[in-house]
């Protein structure tokens, strides 16, 4: 019997760049990507809004965020550890 495939949720590690909103932080996630033609590694950054229920994360903190159901138009992550 074939079971339905499970999706693995990937946790991302980043640094908090803004904590001005209530129960929301903006996390900047940086990753290295190898260029296809020139084989040079590039630093790619992207910002994610994450739900922080206790308002415990502050600017400069390194946090781990995990995907969750959509909480608002832009917020699809939650702070797991930080």
PDB file of N, CA and C in Angstrom:
ATOM      1  N   UNK A   1       0.840  -1.172   0.000  1.00  0.00           N
ATOM      2  CA  UNK A   1       0.000   0.000   0.000  1.00  0.00           C
ATOM      3  C   UNK A   1       0.889   1.240   0.000  1.00  0.00           C
ATOM      4  N   UNK A   2       0.590   2.175  -0.866  1.00  0.00           N
ATOM      5  CA  UNK A   2       1.382   3.389  -0.986  1.00  0.00           C
ATOM      6  C   UNK A   2       0.873   4.430   0.003  1.00  0.00           C
ATOM      7  N   UNK A   3       1.788   4.972   0.787  1.00  0.00           N
ATOM      8  CA  UNK A   3       1.403   6.009   1.744  1.00  0.00           C
ATOM      9  C   UNK A   3       1.623   7.373   1.115  1.00  0.00           C
ATOM     10  N   UNK A   4       0.956   8.359   1.626  1.00  0.00           N
ATOM     11  CA  UNK A   4       1.133   9.707   1.102  1.00  0.00           C
ATOM     12  C   UNK A   4       2.510  10.224   1.493  1.00  0.00           C
ATOM     13  N   UNK A   5       3.167  10.958   0.596  1.00  0.00           N
ATOM     14  CA  UNK A   5       4.506  11.461   0.931  1.00  0.00           C
ATOM     15  C   UNK A   5       4.434  12.524   2.016  1.00  0.00           C
ATOM     16  N   UNK A   6       5.392  12.477   2.908  1.00  0.00           N
ATOM     17  CA  UNK A   6       5.437  13.465   3.982  1.00  0.00           C
ATOM     18  C   UNK A   6       6.344  14.598   3.555  1.00  0.00           C
ATOM     19  N   UNK A   7       5.960  15.800   3.880  1.00  0.00           N
ATOM     20  CA  UNK A   7       6.792  16.949   3.574  1.00  0.00           C
ATOM     21  C   UNK A   7       7.640  17.267   4.795  1.00  0.00           C
ATOM     22  N   UNK A   8       8.918  17.472   4.574  1.00  0.00           N
ATOM     23  CA  UNK A   8       9.797  17.826   5.677  1.00  0.00           C
ATOM     24  C   UNK A   8       9.882  19.337   5.761  1.00  0.00           C
ATOM     25  N   UNK A   9       9.657  19.846   6.936  1.00  0.00           N
ATOM     26  CA  UNK A   9       9.733  21.288   7.144  1.00  0.00           C
ATOM     27  C   UNK A   9      11.158  21.648   7.510  1.00  0.00           C
ATOM     28  N   UNK A  10      11.713  22.583   6.781  1.00  0.00           N
ATOM     29  CA  UNK A  10      13.096  22.973   6.985  1.00  0.00           C
ATOM     30  C   UNK A  10      13.175  24.184   7.901  1.00  0.00           C
ATOM     31  N   UNK A  11      13.869  24.023   8.991  1.00  0.00           N
ATOM     32  CA  UNK A  11      14.093  25.141   9.901  1.00  0.00           C
ATOM     33  C   UNK A  11      15.237  25.987   9.358  1.00  0.00           C
ATOM     34  N   UNK A  12      15.136  27.293   9.524  1.00  0.00           N
ATOM     35  CA  UNK A  12      16.144  28.221   9.033  1.00  0.00           C
ATOM     36  C   UNK A  12      16.756  28.974  10.204  1.00  0.00           C
ATOM     37  N   UNK A  13      18.045  29.270  10.100  1.00  0.00           N
ATOM     38  CA  UNK A  13      18.744  30.002  11.142  1.00  0.00           C
ATOM     39  C   UNK A  13      19.063  31.394  10.616  1.00  0.00           C
ATOM     40  N   UNK A  14      18.781  32.418  11.407  1.00  0.00           N
ATOM     41  CA  UNK A  14      19.038  33.781  10.963  1.00  0.00           C
ATOM     42  C   UNK A  14      19.198  34.734  12.120  1.00  0.00           C
ATOM     43  N   UNK A  15      19.370  36.000  11.788  1.00  0.00           N
ATOM     44  CA  UNK A  15      19.591  37.041  12.785  1.00  0.00           C
ATOM     45  C   UNK A  15      18.416  38.014  12.735  1.00  0.00           C
ATOM     46  N   UNK A  16      17.920  38.399  13.904  1.00  0.00           N
ATOM     47  CA  UNK A  16      16.800  39.329  14.003  1.00  0.00           C
ATOM     48  C   UNK A  16      17.289  40.728  13.613  1.00  0.00           C
ATOM     49  N   UNK A  17      16.611  41.339  12.633  1.00  0.00           N
ATOM     50  CA  UNK A  17      16.980  42.688  12.200  1.00  0.00           C
ATOM     51  C   UNK A  17      15.949  43.721  12.632  1.00  0.00           C
ATOM     52  N   UNK A  18      14.748  43.291  13.040  1.00  0.00           N
ATOM     53  CA  UNK A  18      13.734  44.233  13.521  1.00  0.00           C
ATOM     54  C   UNK A  18      12.810  43.528  14.498  1.00  0.00           C
ATOM     55  N   UNK A  19      12.500  44.221  15.597  1.00  0.00           N
ATOM     56  CA  UNK A  19      11.556  43.676  16.585  1.00  0.00           C
ATOM     57  C   UNK A  19      10.530  44.734  16.981  1.00  0.00           C
ATOM     58  N   UNK A  20      10.242  45.666  16.079  1.00  0.00           N
ATOM     59  CA  UNK A  20       9.358  46.789  16.399  1.00  0.00           C
ATOM     60  C   UNK A  20       7.887  46.429  16.410  1.00  0.00           C
ATOM     61  N   UNK A  21       7.514  45.315  15.750  1.00  0.00           N
ATOM     62  CA  UNK A  21       6.106  44.919  15.709  1.00  0.00           C
ATOM     63  C   UNK A  21       5.753  44.078  16.929  1.00  0.00           C
ATOM     64  N   UNK A  22       4.479  44.023  17.262  1.00  0.00           N
ATOM     65  CA  UNK A  22       4.026  43.225  18.401  1.00  0.00           C
ATOM     66  C   UNK A  22       3.927  41.762  17.978  1.00  0.00           C
ATOM     67  N   UNK A  23       4.634  40.887  18.698  1.00  0.00           N
ATOM     68  CA  UNK A  23       4.635  39.440  18.470  1.00  0.00           C
ATOM     69  C   UNK A  23       5.154  39.043  17.088  1.00  0.00           C
ATOM     70  N   UNK A  24       5.937  39.908  16.450  1.00  0.00           N
ATOM     71  CA  UNK A  24       6.516  39.621  15.141  1.00  0.00           C
ATOM     72  C   UNK A  24       7.941  40.139  15.097  1.00  0.00           C
ATOM     73  N   UNK A  25       8.839  39.344  14.528  1.00  0.00           N
ATOM     74  CA  UNK A  25      10.211  39.777  14.298  1.00  0.00           C
ATOM     75  C   UNK A  25      10.548  39.556  12.832  1.00  0.00           C
ATOM     76  N   UNK A  26      11.486  40.350  12.325  1.00  0.00           N
ATOM     77  CA  UNK A  26      11.986  40.170  10.967  1.00  0.00           C
ATOM     78  C   UNK A  26      13.350  39.513  11.090  1.00  0.00           C
ATOM     79  N   UNK A  27      13.498  38.358  10.432  1.00  0.00           N
ATOM     80  CA  UNK A  27      14.720  37.570  10.528  1.00  0.00           C
ATOM     81  C   UNK A  27      15.408  37.543   9.170  1.00  0.00           C
ATOM     82  N   UNK A  28      16.707  37.868   9.151  1.00  0.00           N
ATOM     83  CA  UNK A  28      17.489  37.843   7.923  1.00  0.00           C
ATOM     84  C   UNK A  28      18.250  36.524   7.861  1.00  0.00           C
ATOM     85  N   UNK A  29      17.954  35.729   6.827  1.00  0.00           N
ATOM     86  CA  UNK A  29      18.579  34.425   6.645  1.00  0.00           C
ATOM     87  C   UNK A  29      19.580  34.543   5.505  1.00  0.00           C
ATOM     88  N   UNK A  30      20.832  34.172   5.767  1.00  0.00           N
ATOM     89  CA  UNK A  30      21.888  34.243   4.769  1.00  0.00           C
ATOM     90  C   UNK A  30      22.319  32.835   4.389  1.00  0.00           C
ATOM     91  N   UNK A  31      22.504  32.617   3.073  1.00  0.00           N
ATOM     92  CA  UNK A  31      22.963  31.313   2.605  1.00  0.00           C
ATOM     93  C   UNK A  31      23.957  31.517   1.476  1.00  0.00           C
ATOM     94  N   UNK A  32      24.804  30.516   1.233  1.00  0.00           N
ATOM     95  CA  UNK A  32      25.780  30.553   0.159  1.00  0.00           C
ATOM     96  C   UNK A  32      25.273  29.704  -0.995  1.00  0.00           C
ATOM     97  N   UNK A  33      25.330  30.262  -2.207  1.00  0.00           N
ATOM     98  CA  UNK A  33      24.876  29.572  -3.406  1.00  0.00           C
ATOM     99  C   UNK A  33      26.015  29.588  -4.412  1.00  0.00           C
ATOM    100  N   UNK A  34      26.271  28.451  -5.027  1.00  0.00           N
ATOM    101  CA  UNK A  34      27.324  28.366  -6.028  1.00  0.00           C
ATOM    102  C   UNK A  34      26.775  28.784  -7.388  1.00  0.00           C
ATOM    103  N   UNK A  35      27.470  29.714  -8.046  1.00  0.00           N
ATOM    104  CA  UNK A  35      27.060  30.175  -9.357  1.00  0.00           C
ATOM    105  C   UNK A  35      27.242  29.048 -10.369  1.00  0.00           C
ATOM    106  N   UNK A  36      26.248  28.858 -11.242  1.00  0.00           N
ATOM    107  CA  UNK A  36      26.260  27.727 -12.168  1.00  0.00           C
ATOM    108  C   UNK A  36      27.399  27.806 -13.177  1.00  0.00           C
ATOM    109  N   UNK A  37      27.660  28.976 -13.714  1.00  0.00           N
ATOM    110  CA  UNK A  37      28.673  29.098 -14.762  1.00  0.00           C
ATOM    111  C   UNK A  37      30.067  29.386 -14.211  1.00  0.00           C
ATOM    112  N   UNK A  38      30.163  30.309 -13.270  1.00  0.00           N
ATOM    113  CA  UNK A  38      31.468  30.770 -12.803  1.00  0.00           C
ATOM    114  C   UNK A  38      31.968  30.035 -11.563  1.00  0.00           C
ATOM    115  N   UNK A  39      31.150  29.189 -10.964  1.00  0.00           N
ATOM    116  CA  UNK A  39      31.525  28.368  -9.807  1.00  0.00           C
ATOM    117  C   UNK A  39      32.027  29.195  -8.625  1.00  0.00           C
ATOM    118  N   UNK A  40      31.516  30.401  -8.518  1.00  0.00           N
ATOM    119  CA  UNK A  40      31.868  31.256  -7.402  1.00  0.00           C
ATOM    120  C   UNK A  40      30.723  31.211  -6.403  1.00  0.00           C
ATOM    121  N   UNK A  41      31.035  31.221  -5.122  1.00  0.00           N
ATOM    122  CA  UNK A  41      30.002  31.193  -4.097  1.00  0.00           C
ATOM    123  C   UNK A  41      29.524  32.608  -3.806  1.00  0.00           C
ATOM    124  N   UNK A  42      28.215  32.793  -3.834  1.00  0.00           N
ATOM    125  CA  UNK A  42      27.601  34.082  -3.581  1.00  0.00           C
ATOM    126  C   UNK A  42      26.826  34.038  -2.282  1.00  0.00           C
ATOM    127  N   UNK A  43      26.832  35.158  -1.567  1.00  0.00           N
ATOM    128  CA  UNK A  43      26.075  35.248  -0.328  1.00  0.00           C
ATOM    129  C   UNK A  43      24.699  35.820  -0.660  1.00  0.00           C
ATOM    130  N   UNK A  44      23.652  35.036  -0.444  1.00  0.00           N
ATOM    131  CA  UNK A  44      22.286  35.439  -0.719  1.00  0.00           C
ATOM    132  C   UNK A  44      21.563  35.640   0.607  1.00  0.00           C
ATOM    133  N   UNK A  45      20.885  36.781   0.762  1.00  0.00           N
ATOM    134  CA  UNK A  45      20.145  37.058   1.991  1.00  0.00           C
ATOM    135  C   UNK A  45      18.676  37.264   1.670  1.00  0.00           C
ATOM    136  N   UNK A  46      17.820  36.834   2.590  1.00  0.00           N
ATOM    137  CA  UNK A  46      16.387  37.032   2.443  1.00  0.00           C
ATOM    138  C   UNK A  46      15.794  37.283   3.822  1.00  0.00           C
ATOM    139  N   UNK A  47      14.795  38.163   3.874  1.00  0.00           N
ATOM    140  CA  UNK A  47      14.152  38.489   5.147  1.00  0.00           C
ATOM    141  C   UNK A  47      12.815  37.773   5.250  1.00  0.00           C
ATOM    142  N   UNK A  48      12.549  37.223   6.422  1.00  0.00           N
ATOM    143  CA  UNK A  48      11.288  36.546   6.704  1.00  0.00           C
ATOM    144  C   UNK A  48      10.673  37.171   7.950  1.00  0.00           C
ATOM    145  N   UNK A  49       9.351  37.303   7.955  1.00  0.00           N
ATOM    146  CA  UNK A  49       8.644  37.715   9.168  1.00  0.00           C
ATOM    147  C   UNK A  49       8.268  36.462   9.926  1.00  0.00           C
ATOM    148  N   UNK A  50       8.526  36.451  11.226  1.00  0.00           N
ATOM    149  CA  UNK A  50       8.267  35.278  12.050  1.00  0.00           C
ATOM    150  C   UNK A  50       7.482  35.670  13.295  1.00  0.00           C
ATOM    151  N   UNK A  51       6.605  34.769  13.722  1.00  0.00           N
ATOM    152  CA  UNK A  51       5.774  34.987  14.902  1.00  0.00           C
ATOM    153  C   UNK A  51       6.584  34.708  16.160  1.00  0.00           C
ATOM    154  N   UNK A  52       6.595  35.663  17.079  1.00  0.00           N
ATOM    155  CA  UNK A  52       7.300  35.538  18.362  1.00  0.00           C
ATOM    156  C   UNK A  52       6.288  35.818  19.462  1.00  0.00           C
ATOM    157  N   UNK A  53       5.657  34.780  19.973  1.00  0.00           N
ATOM    158  CA  UNK A  53       4.549  34.900  20.911  1.00  0.00           C
ATOM    159  C   UNK A  53       4.919  35.674  22.173  1.00  0.00           C
ATOM    160  N   UNK A  54       6.130  35.461  22.685  1.00  0.00           N
ATOM    161  CA  UNK A  54       6.514  36.067  23.969  1.00  0.00           C
ATOM    162  C   UNK A  54       7.312  37.355  23.818  1.00  0.00           C
ATOM    163  N   UNK A  55       7.542  37.817  22.591  1.00  0.00           N
ATOM    164  CA  UNK A  55       8.363  39.006  22.334  1.00  0.00           C
ATOM    165  C   UNK A  55       9.735  38.892  22.989  1.00  0.00           C
ATOM    166  N   UNK A  56      10.340  37.694  22.939  1.00  0.00           N
ATOM    167  CA  UNK A  56      11.614  37.470  23.612  1.00  0.00           C
ATOM    168  C   UNK A  56      12.826  37.741  22.726  1.00  0.00           C
ATOM    169  N   UNK A  57      12.663  37.721  21.403  1.00  0.00           N
ATOM    170  CA  UNK A  57      13.788  37.948  20.492  1.00  0.00           C
ATOM    171  C   UNK A  57      13.977  39.447  20.260  1.00  0.00           C
ATOM    172  N   UNK A  58      15.243  39.875  20.241  1.00  0.00           N
ATOM    173  CA  UNK A  58      15.573  41.278  20.034  1.00  0.00           C
ATOM    174  C   UNK A  58      16.591  41.403  18.915  1.00  0.00           C
ATOM    175  N   UNK A  59      16.834  42.625  18.479  1.00  0.00           N
ATOM    176  CA  UNK A  59      17.753  42.876  17.366  1.00  0.00           C
ATOM    177  C   UNK A  59      19.128  42.298  17.682  1.00  0.00           C
ATOM    178  N   UNK A  60      19.679  41.556  16.721  1.00  0.00           N
ATOM    179  CA  UNK A  60      21.007  40.964  16.868  1.00  0.00           C
ATOM    180  C   UNK A  60      20.995  39.542  17.381  1.00  0.00           C
ATOM    181  N   UNK A  61      19.863  39.057  17.870  1.00  0.00           N
ATOM    182  CA  UNK A  61      19.785  37.682  18.371  1.00  0.00           C
ATOM    183  C   UNK A  61      19.776  36.696  17.215  1.00  0.00           C
ATOM    184  N   UNK A  62      20.436  35.561  17.400  1.00  0.00           N
ATOM    185  CA  UNK A  62      20.396  34.488  16.414  1.00  0.00           C
ATOM    186  C   UNK A  62      19.254  33.553  16.798  1.00  0.00           C
ATOM    187  N   UNK A  63      18.317  33.342  15.862  1.00  0.00           N
ATOM    188  CA  UNK A  63      17.133  32.545  16.150  1.00  0.00           C
ATOM    189  C   UNK A  63      16.965  31.451  15.109  1.00  0.00           C
ATOM    190  N   UNK A  64      16.175  30.462  15.468  1.00  0.00           N
ATOM    191  CA  UNK A  64      15.809  29.374  14.565  1.00  0.00           C
ATOM    192  C   UNK A  64      14.323  29.523  14.280  1.00  0.00           C
ATOM    193  N   UNK A  65      13.966  29.609  12.990  1.00  0.00           N
ATOM    194  CA  UNK A  65      12.560  29.766  12.620  1.00  0.00           C
ATOM    195  C   UNK A  65      12.101  28.549  11.851  1.00  0.00           C
ATOM    196  N   UNK A  66      10.829  28.220  12.011  1.00  0.00           N
ATOM    197  CA  UNK A  66      10.253  27.039  11.391  1.00  0.00           C
ATOM    198  C   UNK A  66       8.984  27.423  10.635  1.00  0.00           C
ATOM    199  N   UNK A  67       8.739  26.801   9.470  1.00  0.00           N
ATOM    200  CA  UNK A  67       7.510  27.115   8.725  1.00  0.00           C
ATOM    201  C   UNK A  67       6.264  26.691   9.495  1.00  0.00           C
ATOM    202  N   UNK A  68       5.204  27.443   9.333  1.00  0.00           N
ATOM    203  CA  UNK A  68       3.935  27.139   9.976  1.00  0.00           C
ATOM    204  C   UNK A  68       2.815  27.572   9.031  1.00  0.00           C
ATOM    205  N   UNK A  69       1.593  27.390   9.445  1.00  0.00           N
ATOM    206  CA  UNK A  69       0.477  27.815   8.605  1.00  0.00           C
ATOM    207  C   UNK A  69       0.523  29.336   8.462  1.00  0.00           C
ATOM    208  N   UNK A  70      -0.063  29.890   7.408  1.00  0.00           N
ATOM    209  CA  UNK A  70      -0.043  31.344   7.256  1.00  0.00           C
ATOM    210  C   UNK A  70      -0.766  32.045   8.408  1.00  0.00           C
ATOM    211  N   UNK A  71      -0.049  32.939   9.078  1.00  0.00           N
ATOM    212  CA  UNK A  71      -0.619  33.681  10.202  1.00  0.00           C
ATOM    213  C   UNK A  71      -1.107  35.064   9.778  1.00  0.00           C
ATOM    214  N   UNK A  72      -0.576  35.568   8.677  1.00  0.00           N
ATOM    215  CA  UNK A  72      -1.024  36.831   8.099  1.00  0.00           C
ATOM    216  C   UNK A  72      -0.584  36.834   6.640  1.00  0.00           C
ATOM    217  N   UNK A  73      -0.678  37.972   5.994  1.00  0.00           N
ATOM    218  CA  UNK A  73      -0.311  38.051   4.578  1.00  0.00           C
ATOM    219  C   UNK A  73       1.161  37.694   4.355  1.00  0.00           C
ATOM    220  N   UNK A  74       2.042  38.149   5.230  1.00  0.00           N
ATOM    221  CA  UNK A  74       3.474  37.939   5.052  1.00  0.00           C
ATOM    222  C   UNK A  74       4.100  36.968   6.047  1.00  0.00           C
ATOM    223  N   UNK A  75       3.402  36.626   7.102  1.00  0.00           N
ATOM    224  CA  UNK A  75       3.997  35.865   8.196  1.00  0.00           C
ATOM    225  C   UNK A  75       3.666  34.376   8.074  1.00  0.00           C
ATOM    226  N   UNK A  76       4.695  33.572   7.728  1.00  0.00           N
ATOM    227  CA  UNK A  76       4.512  32.126   7.546  1.00  0.00           C
ATOM    228  C   UNK A  76       5.512  31.319   8.361  1.00  0.00           C
ATOM    229  N   UNK A  77       6.210  31.953   9.303  1.00  0.00           N
ATOM    230  CA  UNK A  77       7.204  31.286  10.130  1.00  0.00           C
ATOM    231  C   UNK A  77       6.937  31.596  11.593  1.00  0.00           C
ATOM    232  N   UNK A  78       7.505  30.775  12.469  1.00  0.00           N
ATOM    233  CA  UNK A  78       7.438  31.041  13.902  1.00  0.00           C
ATOM    234  C   UNK A  78       8.809  30.812  14.508  1.00  0.00           C
ATOM    235  N   UNK A  79       9.129  31.568  15.556  1.00  0.00           N
ATOM    236  CA  UNK A  79      10.414  31.443  16.231  1.00  0.00           C
ATOM    237  C   UNK A  79      10.376  30.188  17.086  1.00  0.00           C
ATOM    238  N   UNK A  80      11.310  29.279  16.831  1.00  0.00           N
ATOM    239  CA  UNK A  80      11.377  28.025  17.580  1.00  0.00           C
ATOM    240  C   UNK A  80      12.308  28.171  18.768  1.00  0.00           C
ATOM    241  N   UNK A  81      13.485  28.722  18.513  1.00  0.00           N
ATOM    242  CA  UNK A  81      14.498  28.863  19.558  1.00  0.00           C
ATOM    243  C   UNK A  81      15.193  30.190  19.348  1.00  0.00           C
ATOM    244  N   UNK A  82      15.458  30.886  20.447  1.00  0.00           N
ATOM    245  CA  UNK A  82      16.138  32.154  20.267  1.00  0.00           C
ATOM    246  C   UNK A  82      16.250  32.963  21.443  1.00  0.00           C
TER     247      UNK A  82
END
